[in-house]
Amino acid sequence: MDKIVIAIDGPAGAGKSTIAKIIAKKLNINYVDTGAMYRALTLKALKNNIDFNDKNSLISLLDKTDIDYYDNHIYLDGKIVDNEIRSNEVSKNVSKVARIKEIRIKLVEIQRKIASNKSVIMDGRDIGSHVLPNADFKFYVTASVDERSHRRYKELISKNVEISLKQVKEEIKQRDEIDKSREFSPLIKSEDAILIDTTRKTVEESVNEILNIIKKGM
């Protein structure tokens, strides 16, 4: 293929971003983390003390915000915010931003434009079902709630964040509920997406499973 478009969807903590980054390097294509775009706006909302229940203020904030993704970096108003958007405070609130239809519509326009003229692997919650419905390959990457909670807990502890495993699990469950139940473009597995369950699998095993499917289909 001269140009290849790969869509990866799945819930929080399933490993889709880690997997997508590695595949992008191995296939020498562009990686786009759509969740980082929503995280960037969430970060700005936190810095501006905006109430996450105030839908109109969040929409207005996006109108005054520049979000872009290139060279594997997320830019917020011209500044790289790769690390800032990974805070637990952002993680706790990002689904509240992502469920707003007007925000999703605007960011989807940016995502589609990025994928329109180059090979990409894009991950998020609604890539195969909504953003890139004609993607060459679609995968739904998931794992058990317990597995995802343990992964997130280990990540936060390594960053010296004081939090309990129980609290992390509750936050994961809450994010799942918001992502799956939102009215516009919810988290779903597309009928033509291939299920990849990463529970009790290493990252390498999951990457190889997806790469083998792609290579057979090319």
N, C-alpha and C. Protein backbone atom coordinates (compact mmCIF):
# COMPACT_ATOMS: atom_id res chain seq x y z
N MET A 1 0.83 -1.20 0.00
CA MET A 1 0.00 0.00 0.00
C MET A 1 0.87 1.25 0.00
N ASP A 2 0.53 2.22 -0.86
CA ASP A 2 1.24 3.49 -0.86
C ASP A 2 0.92 4.27 0.41
N LYS A 3 -0.32 4.12 0.87
CA LYS A 3 -0.78 4.83 2.06
C LYS A 3 -1.61 3.86 2.89
N ILE A 4 -1.36 3.86 4.18
CA ILE A 4 -2.09 2.96 5.07
C ILE A 4 -2.66 3.73 6.25
N VAL A 5 -3.91 3.41 6.59
CA VAL A 5 -4.58 4.06 7.72
C VAL A 5 -5.05 2.97 8.68
N ILE A 6 -4.58 3.06 9.93
CA ILE A 6 -4.90 2.06 10.96
C ILE A 6 -5.63 2.75 12.11
N ALA A 7 -6.76 2.20 12.51
CA ALA A 7 -7.56 2.75 13.60
C ALA A 7 -7.51 1.80 14.80
N ILE A 8 -7.21 2.34 15.96
CA ILE A 8 -7.19 1.54 17.19
C ILE A 8 -8.08 2.21 18.24
N ASP A 9 -9.07 1.48 18.69
CA ASP A 9 -9.96 1.99 19.74
C ASP A 9 -9.86 1.11 20.97
N GLY A 10 -10.39 1.63 22.08
CA GLY A 10 -10.40 0.84 23.29
C GLY A 10 -10.52 1.71 24.53
N PRO A 11 -10.81 1.10 25.68
CA PRO A 11 -10.98 1.84 26.93
C PRO A 11 -9.67 2.28 27.54
N ALA A 12 -9.74 3.08 28.57
CA ALA A 12 -8.56 3.59 29.27
C ALA A 12 -7.73 2.46 29.86
N GLY A 13 -6.42 2.55 29.68
CA GLY A 13 -5.51 1.59 30.30
C GLY A 13 -5.36 0.27 29.59
N ALA A 14 -5.93 0.14 28.38
CA ALA A 14 -5.85 -1.13 27.65
C ALA A 14 -4.50 -1.31 26.98
N GLY A 15 -3.75 -0.21 26.83
CA GLY A 15 -2.43 -0.28 26.22
C GLY A 15 -2.39 0.15 24.78
N LYS A 16 -3.51 0.71 24.30
CA LYS A 16 -3.59 1.04 22.86
C LYS A 16 -2.57 2.10 22.43
N SER A 17 -2.33 3.11 23.25
CA SER A 17 -1.37 4.16 22.87
C SER A 17 0.05 3.61 22.81
N THR A 18 0.43 2.82 23.80
CA THR A 18 1.76 2.21 23.82
C THR A 18 1.95 1.32 22.60
N ILE A 19 0.95 0.51 22.31
CA ILE A 19 0.99 -0.40 21.16
C ILE A 19 1.07 0.39 19.86
N ALA A 20 0.23 1.41 19.74
CA ALA A 20 0.18 2.21 18.50
C ALA A 20 1.51 2.91 18.22
N LYS A 21 2.15 3.42 19.26
CA LYS A 21 3.45 4.10 19.09
C LYS A 21 4.51 3.15 18.54
N ILE A 22 4.53 1.94 19.08
CA ILE A 22 5.53 0.95 18.64
C ILE A 22 5.27 0.54 17.19
N ILE A 23 4.00 0.31 16.87
CA ILE A 23 3.64 -0.08 15.50
C ILE A 23 4.00 1.04 14.52
N ALA A 24 3.77 2.28 14.92
CA ALA A 24 4.10 3.43 14.06
C ALA A 24 5.59 3.42 13.72
N LYS A 25 6.42 3.14 14.72
CA LYS A 25 7.87 3.10 14.49
C LYS A 25 8.26 1.94 13.59
N LYS A 26 7.67 0.78 13.83
CA LYS A 26 8.01 -0.41 13.05
C LYS A 26 7.58 -0.28 11.59
N LEU A 27 6.45 0.40 11.35
CA LEU A 27 5.96 0.56 9.98
C LEU A 27 6.39 1.89 9.37
N ASN A 28 7.07 2.71 10.19
CA ASN A 28 7.54 4.02 9.74
C ASN A 28 6.39 4.90 9.23
N ILE A 29 5.34 4.98 10.04
CA ILE A 29 4.18 5.82 9.71
C ILE A 29 3.91 6.77 10.87
N ASN A 30 3.03 7.73 10.65
CA ASN A 30 2.73 8.74 11.67
C ASN A 30 1.78 8.18 12.73
N TYR A 31 2.06 8.51 13.99
CA TYR A 31 1.20 8.12 15.11
C TYR A 31 0.43 9.34 15.61
N VAL A 32 -0.88 9.17 15.77
CA VAL A 32 -1.71 10.26 16.29
C VAL A 32 -2.54 9.76 17.48
N ASP A 33 -2.27 10.32 18.64
CA ASP A 33 -3.02 10.00 19.86
C ASP A 33 -4.15 11.01 20.00
N THR A 34 -5.35 10.64 19.57
CA THR A 34 -6.47 11.60 19.61
C THR A 34 -6.86 11.94 21.04
N GLY A 35 -6.66 10.98 21.94
CA GLY A 35 -6.99 11.26 23.34
C GLY A 35 -6.17 12.41 23.90
N ALA A 36 -4.95 12.58 23.37
CA ALA A 36 -4.07 13.66 23.83
C ALA A 36 -4.68 15.02 23.51
N MET A 37 -5.46 15.10 22.42
CA MET A 37 -6.09 16.36 22.05
C MET A 37 -7.14 16.75 23.10
N TYR A 38 -7.93 15.77 23.53
CA TYR A 38 -8.93 16.05 24.56
C TYR A 38 -8.26 16.34 25.90
N ARG A 39 -7.15 15.66 26.14
CA ARG A 39 -6.40 15.91 27.37
C ARG A 39 -5.83 17.34 27.38
N ALA A 40 -5.39 17.80 26.21
CA ALA A 40 -4.82 19.15 26.12
C ALA A 40 -5.87 20.20 26.50
N LEU A 41 -7.08 20.03 25.99
CA LEU A 41 -8.15 20.98 26.32
C LEU A 41 -8.52 20.86 27.80
N THR A 42 -8.51 19.64 28.32
CA THR A 42 -8.79 19.43 29.75
C THR A 42 -7.75 20.14 30.61
N LEU A 43 -6.49 20.04 30.20
CA LEU A 43 -5.40 20.72 30.92
C LEU A 43 -5.63 22.22 30.94
N LYS A 44 -6.01 22.78 29.81
CA LYS A 44 -6.24 24.22 29.74
C LYS A 44 -7.44 24.62 30.61
N ALA A 45 -8.46 23.77 30.63
CA ALA A 45 -9.63 24.05 31.47
C ALA A 45 -9.25 24.06 32.95
N LEU A 46 -8.41 23.12 33.34
CA LEU A 46 -7.94 23.06 34.73
C LEU A 46 -7.15 24.32 35.09
N LYS A 47 -6.27 24.73 34.17
CA LYS A 47 -5.44 25.92 34.42
C LYS A 47 -6.29 27.19 34.51
N ASN A 48 -7.45 27.17 33.83
CA ASN A 48 -8.33 28.34 33.84
C ASN A 48 -9.48 28.21 34.84
N ASN A 49 -9.40 27.16 35.68
CA ASN A 49 -10.40 26.93 36.73
C ASN A 49 -11.83 26.89 36.19
N ILE A 50 -12.01 26.23 35.06
CA ILE A 50 -13.34 26.13 34.45
C ILE A 50 -14.08 24.92 35.02
N ASP A 51 -15.35 25.11 35.34
CA ASP A 51 -16.20 24.05 35.86
C ASP A 51 -16.47 23.05 34.73
N PHE A 52 -16.16 21.77 34.97
CA PHE A 52 -16.34 20.76 33.92
C PHE A 52 -17.80 20.43 33.65
N ASN A 53 -18.69 20.96 34.46
CA ASN A 53 -20.12 20.80 34.20
C ASN A 53 -20.67 21.97 33.39
N ASP A 54 -19.81 22.97 33.15
CA ASP A 54 -20.20 24.15 32.39
C ASP A 54 -19.85 23.94 30.91
N LYS A 55 -20.76 23.29 30.22
CA LYS A 55 -20.54 22.91 28.81
C LYS A 55 -20.20 24.10 27.93
N ASN A 56 -20.95 25.19 28.07
CA ASN A 56 -20.74 26.36 27.21
C ASN A 56 -19.36 26.98 27.39
N SER A 57 -18.89 27.00 28.62
CA SER A 57 -17.56 27.57 28.88
C SER A 57 -16.46 26.71 28.26
N LEU A 58 -16.66 25.40 28.28
CA LEU A 58 -15.67 24.49 27.70
C LEU A 58 -15.64 24.64 26.18
N ILE A 59 -16.82 24.78 25.57
CA ILE A 59 -16.89 24.97 24.12
C ILE A 59 -16.24 26.30 23.73
N SER A 60 -16.53 27.33 24.53
CA SER A 60 -15.95 28.65 24.29
C SER A 60 -14.43 28.62 24.42
N LEU A 61 -13.94 27.82 25.38
CA LEU A 61 -12.49 27.70 25.59
C LEU A 61 -11.82 27.09 24.36
N LEU A 62 -12.45 26.08 23.76
CA LEU A 62 -11.89 25.44 22.58
C LEU A 62 -11.77 26.43 21.42
N ASP A 63 -12.76 27.33 21.31
CA ASP A 63 -12.73 28.34 20.23
C ASP A 63 -11.52 29.26 20.34
N LYS A 64 -10.97 29.37 21.55
CA LYS A 64 -9.81 30.23 21.78
C LYS A 64 -8.53 29.42 22.00
N THR A 65 -8.56 28.16 21.55
CA THR A 65 -7.44 27.25 21.79
C THR A 65 -6.93 26.65 20.50
N ASP A 66 -5.61 26.53 20.40
CA ASP A 66 -4.99 25.89 19.24
C ASP A 66 -4.41 24.56 19.68
N ILE A 67 -4.95 23.47 19.13
CA ILE A 67 -4.48 22.12 19.45
C ILE A 67 -4.01 21.46 18.17
N ASP A 68 -2.78 20.95 18.19
CA ASP A 68 -2.25 20.29 17.01
C ASP A 68 -1.41 19.09 17.44
N TYR A 69 -1.20 18.17 16.49
CA TYR A 69 -0.44 16.96 16.78
C TYR A 69 0.47 16.67 15.60
N TYR A 70 1.78 16.78 15.79
CA TYR A 70 2.72 16.43 14.73
C TYR A 70 4.08 16.07 15.32
N ASP A 71 4.83 15.29 14.55
CA ASP A 71 6.12 14.77 15.01
C ASP A 71 6.00 14.06 16.35
N ASN A 72 4.86 13.37 16.53
CA ASN A 72 4.60 12.61 17.76
C ASN A 72 4.57 13.48 19.03
N HIS A 73 4.20 14.74 18.87
CA HIS A 73 4.05 15.63 20.03
C HIS A 73 2.69 16.32 19.97
N ILE A 74 2.10 16.53 21.14
CA ILE A 74 0.84 17.26 21.22
C ILE A 74 1.15 18.71 21.60
N TYR A 75 0.60 19.62 20.83
CA TYR A 75 0.85 21.05 21.04
C TYR A 75 -0.42 21.73 21.54
N LEU A 76 -0.31 22.49 22.61
CA LEU A 76 -1.40 23.30 23.14
C LEU A 76 -0.97 24.76 23.06
N ASP A 77 -1.66 25.51 22.19
CA ASP A 77 -1.32 26.92 21.98
C ASP A 77 0.17 27.10 21.67
N GLY A 78 0.69 26.19 20.82
CA GLY A 78 2.08 26.30 20.37
C GLY A 78 3.13 25.71 21.29
N LYS A 79 2.69 25.13 22.43
CA LYS A 79 3.64 24.58 23.40
C LYS A 79 3.45 23.08 23.54
N ILE A 80 4.55 22.32 23.55
CA ILE A 80 4.48 20.87 23.75
C ILE A 80 4.05 20.57 25.19
N VAL A 81 2.99 19.74 25.33
CA VAL A 81 2.48 19.43 26.67
C VAL A 81 2.37 17.92 26.88
N ASP A 82 3.28 17.17 26.27
CA ASP A 82 3.25 15.70 26.35
C ASP A 82 3.15 15.19 27.79
N ASN A 83 3.92 15.76 28.68
CA ASN A 83 3.96 15.27 30.06
C ASN A 83 2.83 15.84 30.92
N GLU A 84 2.54 17.12 30.73
CA GLU A 84 1.51 17.77 31.56
C GLU A 84 0.14 17.12 31.41
N ILE A 85 -0.17 16.64 30.22
CA ILE A 85 -1.51 16.09 30.00
C ILE A 85 -1.69 14.70 30.61
N ARG A 86 -0.61 14.12 31.15
CA ARG A 86 -0.70 12.77 31.73
C ARG A 86 -0.93 12.78 33.24
N SER A 87 -1.19 13.94 33.81
CA SER A 87 -1.44 14.02 35.25
C SER A 87 -2.74 13.30 35.61
N ASN A 88 -2.85 12.86 36.85
CA ASN A 88 -4.07 12.15 37.28
C ASN A 88 -5.28 13.08 37.26
N GLU A 89 -5.05 14.35 37.52
CA GLU A 89 -6.16 15.33 37.51
C GLU A 89 -6.75 15.44 36.11
N VAL A 90 -5.89 15.42 35.10
CA VAL A 90 -6.38 15.45 33.71
C VAL A 90 -7.12 14.16 33.41
N SER A 91 -6.55 13.02 33.82
CA SER A 91 -7.17 11.72 33.56
C SER A 91 -8.56 11.61 34.17
N LYS A 92 -8.73 12.20 35.35
CA LYS A 92 -10.02 12.13 36.04
C LYS A 92 -11.09 12.94 35.33
N ASN A 93 -10.70 13.97 34.60
CA ASN A 93 -11.68 14.90 34.02
C ASN A 93 -11.82 14.85 32.50
N VAL A 94 -10.91 14.16 31.81
CA VAL A 94 -10.91 14.22 30.35
C VAL A 94 -12.19 13.69 29.72
N SER A 95 -12.80 12.66 30.31
CA SER A 95 -14.04 12.11 29.73
C SER A 95 -15.19 13.11 29.79
N LYS A 96 -15.15 14.02 30.76
CA LYS A 96 -16.20 15.05 30.87
C LYS A 96 -16.12 16.04 29.72
N VAL A 97 -14.89 16.26 29.24
CA VAL A 97 -14.67 17.13 28.09
C VAL A 97 -15.00 16.40 26.79
N ALA A 98 -14.54 15.14 26.71
CA ALA A 98 -14.69 14.36 25.48
C ALA A 98 -16.13 14.00 25.16
N ARG A 99 -17.02 14.07 26.14
CA ARG A 99 -18.43 13.68 25.88
C ARG A 99 -19.23 14.81 25.23
N ILE A 100 -18.63 16.01 25.13
CA ILE A 100 -19.36 17.15 24.58
C ILE A 100 -19.31 17.11 23.05
N LYS A 101 -20.48 17.04 22.44
CA LYS A 101 -20.60 16.85 21.00
C LYS A 101 -19.86 17.92 20.20
N GLU A 102 -20.04 19.17 20.55
CA GLU A 102 -19.44 20.27 19.79
C GLU A 102 -17.91 20.21 19.81
N ILE A 103 -17.36 19.76 20.94
CA ILE A 103 -15.91 19.63 21.05
C ILE A 103 -15.41 18.47 20.19
N ARG A 104 -16.14 17.36 20.23
CA ARG A 104 -15.74 16.20 19.44
C ARG A 104 -15.78 16.53 17.95
N ILE A 105 -16.80 17.23 17.51
CA ILE A 105 -16.94 17.57 16.08
C ILE A 105 -15.73 18.37 15.60
N LYS A 106 -15.34 19.35 16.38
CA LYS A 106 -14.22 20.21 15.97
C LYS A 106 -12.90 19.44 15.95
N LEU A 107 -12.66 18.62 16.97
CA LEU A 107 -11.40 17.88 17.03
C LEU A 107 -11.35 16.75 15.99
N VAL A 108 -12.52 16.19 15.67
CA VAL A 108 -12.57 15.15 14.63
C VAL A 108 -12.18 15.74 13.28
N GLU A 109 -12.56 16.97 13.02
CA GLU A 109 -12.17 17.65 11.78
C GLU A 109 -10.64 17.69 11.66
N ILE A 110 -9.98 18.03 12.77
CA ILE A 110 -8.52 18.09 12.78
C ILE A 110 -7.93 16.70 12.55
N GLN A 111 -8.50 15.69 13.21
CA GLN A 111 -8.00 14.32 13.11
C GLN A 111 -8.13 13.79 11.69
N ARG A 112 -9.26 14.04 11.06
CA ARG A 112 -9.47 13.57 9.68
C ARG A 112 -8.51 14.26 8.71
N LYS A 113 -8.26 15.53 8.95
CA LYS A 113 -7.35 16.27 8.09
C LYS A 113 -5.94 15.68 8.16
N ILE A 114 -5.52 15.32 9.38
CA ILE A 114 -4.19 14.74 9.57
C ILE A 114 -4.06 13.43 8.78
N ALA A 115 -5.14 12.64 8.78
CA ALA A 115 -5.10 11.31 8.14
C ALA A 115 -5.42 11.34 6.65
N SER A 116 -5.74 12.50 6.11
CA SER A 116 -6.21 12.59 4.73
C SER A 116 -5.12 12.41 3.68
N ASN A 117 -3.90 12.75 4.03
CA ASN A 117 -2.87 12.71 2.98
C ASN A 117 -1.57 12.00 3.38
N LYS A 118 -1.62 11.20 4.46
CA LYS A 118 -0.43 10.46 4.84
C LYS A 118 -0.80 9.19 5.61
N SER A 119 0.12 8.27 5.67
CA SER A 119 -0.11 7.03 6.41
C SER A 119 -0.11 7.32 7.91
N VAL A 120 -1.12 6.81 8.61
CA VAL A 120 -1.22 7.06 10.05
C VAL A 120 -1.73 5.83 10.79
N ILE A 121 -1.38 5.78 12.06
CA ILE A 121 -2.04 4.90 13.00
C ILE A 121 -2.60 5.82 14.07
N MET A 122 -3.90 5.77 14.27
CA MET A 122 -4.59 6.71 15.15
C MET A 122 -5.33 5.93 16.22
N ASP A 123 -5.18 6.34 17.47
CA ASP A 123 -5.92 5.64 18.52
C ASP A 123 -6.80 6.59 19.32
N GLY A 124 -7.87 6.03 19.86
CA GLY A 124 -8.82 6.83 20.63
C GLY A 124 -10.00 5.99 21.08
N ARG A 125 -11.16 6.62 21.13
CA ARG A 125 -12.38 5.93 21.57
C ARG A 125 -13.35 5.66 20.41
N ASP A 126 -13.27 6.48 19.35
CA ASP A 126 -14.26 6.37 18.26
C ASP A 126 -13.60 6.48 16.89
N ILE A 127 -12.37 5.99 16.78
CA ILE A 127 -11.63 6.16 15.52
C ILE A 127 -12.24 5.30 14.42
N GLY A 128 -12.35 4.00 14.66
CA GLY A 128 -12.89 3.11 13.65
C GLY A 128 -14.38 3.29 13.41
N SER A 129 -15.10 3.68 14.44
CA SER A 129 -16.56 3.81 14.33
C SER A 129 -16.99 5.17 13.78
N HIS A 130 -16.19 6.20 13.96
CA HIS A 130 -16.64 7.54 13.58
C HIS A 130 -15.59 8.39 12.86
N VAL A 131 -14.40 8.49 13.41
CA VAL A 131 -13.38 9.40 12.85
C VAL A 131 -12.88 8.89 11.50
N LEU A 132 -12.47 7.62 11.46
CA LEU A 132 -11.91 7.04 10.23
C LEU A 132 -12.65 5.73 9.89
N PRO A 133 -13.92 5.84 9.53
CA PRO A 133 -14.72 4.62 9.27
C PRO A 133 -14.21 3.79 8.10
N ASN A 134 -13.41 4.39 7.21
CA ASN A 134 -12.88 3.68 6.05
C ASN A 134 -11.42 3.28 6.22
N ALA A 135 -10.97 3.21 7.46
CA ALA A 135 -9.58 2.82 7.74
C ALA A 135 -9.29 1.44 7.14
N ASP A 136 -8.05 1.24 6.72
CA ASP A 136 -7.65 -0.03 6.12
C ASP A 136 -7.68 -1.17 7.13
N PHE A 137 -7.32 -0.85 8.38
CA PHE A 137 -7.34 -1.84 9.46
C PHE A 137 -7.95 -1.21 10.70
N LYS A 138 -8.82 -1.98 11.38
CA LYS A 138 -9.43 -1.50 12.62
C LYS A 138 -9.22 -2.53 13.72
N PHE A 139 -8.79 -2.04 14.87
CA PHE A 139 -8.59 -2.92 16.02
C PHE A 139 -9.28 -2.34 17.24
N TYR A 140 -9.80 -3.22 18.08
CA TYR A 140 -10.37 -2.80 19.36
C TYR A 140 -9.52 -3.46 20.45
N VAL A 141 -8.70 -2.65 21.10
CA VAL A 141 -7.77 -3.14 22.11
C VAL A 141 -8.37 -2.97 23.49
N THR A 142 -8.46 -4.06 24.23
CA THR A 142 -9.07 -3.99 25.56
C THR A 142 -8.32 -4.88 26.54
N ALA A 143 -8.76 -4.84 27.80
CA ALA A 143 -8.21 -5.69 28.86
C ALA A 143 -9.21 -5.64 30.01
N SER A 144 -9.09 -6.55 30.95
CA SER A 144 -10.01 -6.56 32.08
C SER A 144 -9.85 -5.29 32.92
N VAL A 145 -10.88 -4.95 33.66
CA VAL A 145 -10.83 -3.76 34.53
C VAL A 145 -9.70 -3.90 35.55
N ASP A 146 -9.54 -5.09 36.11
CA ASP A 146 -8.47 -5.32 37.10
C ASP A 146 -7.10 -5.09 36.48
N GLU A 147 -6.90 -5.62 35.28
CA GLU A 147 -5.61 -5.47 34.60
C GLU A 147 -5.33 -4.00 34.31
N ARG A 148 -6.32 -3.29 33.80
CA ARG A 148 -6.14 -1.89 33.45
C ARG A 148 -5.89 -1.03 34.70
N SER A 149 -6.56 -1.38 35.77
CA SER A 149 -6.39 -0.64 37.03
C SER A 149 -4.98 -0.83 37.58
N HIS A 150 -4.48 -2.07 37.54
CA HIS A 150 -3.13 -2.35 38.04
C HIS A 150 -2.09 -1.60 37.22
N ARG A 151 -2.28 -1.56 35.89
CA ARG A 151 -1.33 -0.85 35.02
C ARG A 151 -1.30 0.64 35.36
N ARG A 152 -2.48 1.22 35.49
CA ARG A 152 -2.58 2.65 35.79
C ARG A 152 -2.01 2.95 37.18
N TYR A 153 -2.27 2.09 38.13
CA TYR A 153 -1.78 2.26 39.50
C TYR A 153 -0.25 2.26 39.53
N LYS A 154 0.35 1.29 38.82
CA LYS A 154 1.82 1.20 38.76
C LYS A 154 2.41 2.45 38.11
N GLU A 155 1.74 2.94 37.08
CA GLU A 155 2.22 4.14 36.39
C GLU A 155 2.20 5.35 37.33
N LEU A 156 1.10 5.50 38.08
CA LEU A 156 0.97 6.65 38.99
C LEU A 156 1.94 6.57 40.16
N ILE A 157 2.10 5.37 40.70
CA ILE A 157 3.03 5.17 41.82
C ILE A 157 4.46 5.49 41.38
N SER A 158 4.80 5.13 40.14
CA SER A 158 6.15 5.42 39.62
C SER A 158 6.39 6.92 39.49
N LYS A 159 5.29 7.68 39.43
CA LYS A 159 5.38 9.14 39.33
C LYS A 159 5.19 9.80 40.70
N ASN A 160 5.22 8.96 41.75
CA ASN A 160 5.08 9.43 43.13
C ASN A 160 3.73 10.06 43.42
N VAL A 161 2.71 9.59 42.73
CA VAL A 161 1.34 10.06 43.00
C VAL A 161 0.76 9.22 44.13
N GLU A 162 0.26 9.88 45.17
CA GLU A 162 -0.32 9.16 46.30
C GLU A 162 -1.78 8.82 45.99
N ILE A 163 -2.01 7.53 45.74
CA ILE A 163 -3.34 7.08 45.37
C ILE A 163 -3.44 5.59 45.66
N SER A 164 -4.65 5.12 45.95
CA SER A 164 -4.85 3.70 46.23
C SER A 164 -5.30 2.97 44.97
N LEU A 165 -5.06 1.67 44.94
CA LEU A 165 -5.51 0.84 43.82
C LEU A 165 -7.03 0.90 43.70
N LYS A 166 -7.71 0.92 44.84
CA LYS A 166 -9.17 0.98 44.85
C LYS A 166 -9.66 2.26 44.18
N GLN A 167 -9.00 3.37 44.49
CA GLN A 167 -9.40 4.66 43.89
C GLN A 167 -9.16 4.66 42.38
N VAL A 168 -8.02 4.09 41.96
CA VAL A 168 -7.72 4.02 40.53
C VAL A 168 -8.78 3.18 39.81
N LYS A 169 -9.17 2.07 40.42
CA LYS A 169 -10.17 1.19 39.81
C LYS A 169 -11.51 1.90 39.66
N GLU A 170 -11.90 2.66 40.67
CA GLU A 170 -13.16 3.41 40.60
C GLU A 170 -13.10 4.47 39.50
N GLU A 171 -11.96 5.12 39.36
CA GLU A 171 -11.80 6.14 38.32
C GLU A 171 -11.86 5.51 36.92
N ILE A 172 -11.26 4.33 36.78
CA ILE A 172 -11.29 3.61 35.49
C ILE A 172 -12.74 3.24 35.15
N LYS A 173 -13.46 2.72 36.13
CA LYS A 173 -14.86 2.33 35.92
C LYS A 173 -15.72 3.54 35.53
N GLN A 174 -15.46 4.66 36.20
CA GLN A 174 -16.21 5.88 35.92
C GLN A 174 -15.93 6.37 34.50
N ARG A 175 -14.66 6.33 34.09
CA ARG A 175 -14.30 6.75 32.73
C ARG A 175 -14.96 5.83 31.70
N ASP A 176 -14.96 4.54 31.97
CA ASP A 176 -15.60 3.58 31.06
C ASP A 176 -17.08 3.92 30.89
N GLU A 177 -17.74 4.20 32.00
CA GLU A 177 -19.18 4.49 31.96
C GLU A 177 -19.46 5.75 31.16
N ILE A 178 -18.67 6.80 31.38
CA ILE A 178 -18.86 8.06 30.66
C ILE A 178 -18.59 7.85 29.16
N ASP A 179 -17.49 7.14 28.84
CA ASP A 179 -17.11 6.93 27.44
C ASP A 179 -18.15 6.10 26.68
N LYS A 180 -18.69 5.08 27.34
CA LYS A 180 -19.63 4.18 26.67
C LYS A 180 -21.05 4.72 26.60
N SER A 181 -21.39 5.60 27.53
CA SER A 181 -22.79 6.06 27.60
C SER A 181 -23.01 7.45 27.01
N ARG A 182 -21.95 8.11 26.57
CA ARG A 182 -22.16 9.46 26.03
C ARG A 182 -23.04 9.38 24.78
N GLU A 183 -23.83 10.43 24.60
CA GLU A 183 -24.83 10.44 23.54
C GLU A 183 -24.21 10.47 22.15
N PHE A 184 -23.15 11.25 21.99
CA PHE A 184 -22.54 11.42 20.68
C PHE A 184 -21.23 10.64 20.58
N SER A 185 -21.14 9.75 19.58
CA SER A 185 -19.92 9.02 19.29
C SER A 185 -19.32 8.31 20.51
N PRO A 186 -20.06 7.39 21.11
CA PRO A 186 -19.56 6.68 22.29
C PRO A 186 -18.49 5.66 21.96
N LEU A 187 -17.83 5.15 23.00
CA LEU A 187 -16.85 4.10 22.83
C LEU A 187 -17.58 2.80 22.49
N ILE A 188 -17.34 2.29 21.29
CA ILE A 188 -17.92 1.02 20.87
C ILE A 188 -16.90 0.27 20.01
N LYS A 189 -17.12 -1.03 19.89
CA LYS A 189 -16.29 -1.82 18.98
C LYS A 189 -17.02 -1.88 17.64
N SER A 190 -16.37 -1.38 16.59
CA SER A 190 -16.95 -1.45 15.25
C SER A 190 -17.12 -2.92 14.87
N GLU A 191 -18.15 -3.19 14.07
CA GLU A 191 -18.41 -4.57 13.65
C GLU A 191 -17.22 -5.16 12.89
N ASP A 192 -16.52 -4.32 12.15
CA ASP A 192 -15.39 -4.81 11.35
C ASP A 192 -14.04 -4.65 12.05
N ALA A 193 -14.06 -4.32 13.34
CA ALA A 193 -12.80 -4.20 14.09
C ALA A 193 -12.40 -5.55 14.67
N ILE A 194 -11.11 -5.81 14.70
CA ILE A 194 -10.57 -7.06 15.25
C ILE A 194 -10.28 -6.86 16.74
N LEU A 195 -10.82 -7.73 17.57
CA LEU A 195 -10.64 -7.62 19.02
C LEU A 195 -9.25 -8.11 19.42
N ILE A 196 -8.55 -7.28 20.19
CA ILE A 196 -7.23 -7.64 20.73
C ILE A 196 -7.32 -7.49 22.25
N ASP A 197 -7.34 -8.61 22.96
CA ASP A 197 -7.41 -8.58 24.43
C ASP A 197 -5.99 -8.68 24.98
N THR A 198 -5.54 -7.62 25.64
CA THR A 198 -4.16 -7.56 26.13
C THR A 198 -4.00 -8.07 27.56
N THR A 199 -5.08 -8.58 28.16
CA THR A 199 -5.00 -9.10 29.52
C THR A 199 -3.97 -10.22 29.59
N ARG A 200 -3.05 -10.09 30.54
CA ARG A 200 -1.98 -11.08 30.77
C ARG A 200 -1.07 -11.26 29.54
N LYS A 201 -1.01 -10.27 28.68
CA LYS A 201 -0.09 -10.30 27.55
C LYS A 201 0.94 -9.20 27.71
N THR A 202 2.15 -9.45 27.21
CA THR A 202 3.16 -8.40 27.21
C THR A 202 2.86 -7.45 26.06
N VAL A 203 3.44 -6.27 26.12
CA VAL A 203 3.26 -5.30 25.03
C VAL A 203 3.76 -5.90 23.73
N GLU A 204 4.90 -6.60 23.79
CA GLU A 204 5.48 -7.20 22.59
C GLU A 204 4.53 -8.23 21.97
N GLU A 205 3.89 -9.02 22.78
CA GLU A 205 2.96 -10.03 22.28
C GLU A 205 1.77 -9.37 21.57
N SER A 206 1.25 -8.30 22.16
CA SER A 206 0.11 -7.60 21.56
C SER A 206 0.50 -6.91 20.26
N VAL A 207 1.69 -6.31 20.25
CA VAL A 207 2.20 -5.64 19.04
C VAL A 207 2.35 -6.66 17.91
N ASN A 208 2.97 -7.78 18.21
CA ASN A 208 3.19 -8.80 17.19
C ASN A 208 1.88 -9.36 16.65
N GLU A 209 0.90 -9.50 17.52
CA GLU A 209 -0.42 -10.00 17.09
C GLU A 209 -1.03 -9.06 16.05
N ILE A 210 -0.95 -7.78 16.31
CA ILE A 210 -1.52 -6.78 15.39
C ILE A 210 -0.69 -6.70 14.11
N LEU A 211 0.63 -6.69 14.25
CA LEU A 211 1.50 -6.60 13.07
C LEU A 211 1.30 -7.78 12.11
N ASN A 212 1.11 -8.97 12.67
CA ASN A 212 0.89 -10.15 11.84
C ASN A 212 -0.40 -10.03 11.03
N ILE A 213 -1.43 -9.47 11.64
CA ILE A 213 -2.71 -9.26 10.95
C ILE A 213 -2.54 -8.24 9.84
N ILE A 214 -1.83 -7.15 10.13
CA ILE A 214 -1.61 -6.10 9.12
C ILE A 214 -0.80 -6.63 7.94
N LYS A 215 0.28 -7.34 8.24
CA LYS A 215 1.14 -7.87 7.17
C LYS A 215 0.40 -8.85 6.27
N LYS A 216 -0.50 -9.64 6.86
CA LYS A 216 -1.28 -10.59 6.06
C LYS A 216 -2.28 -9.87 5.17
N GLY A 217 -2.71 -8.68 5.62
CA GLY A 217 -3.74 -7.95 4.86
C GLY A 217 -3.19 -6.97 3.85
N MET A 218 -1.87 -6.77 3.86
CA MET A 218 -1.26 -5.78 2.95
C MET A 218 -0.94 -6.40 1.59
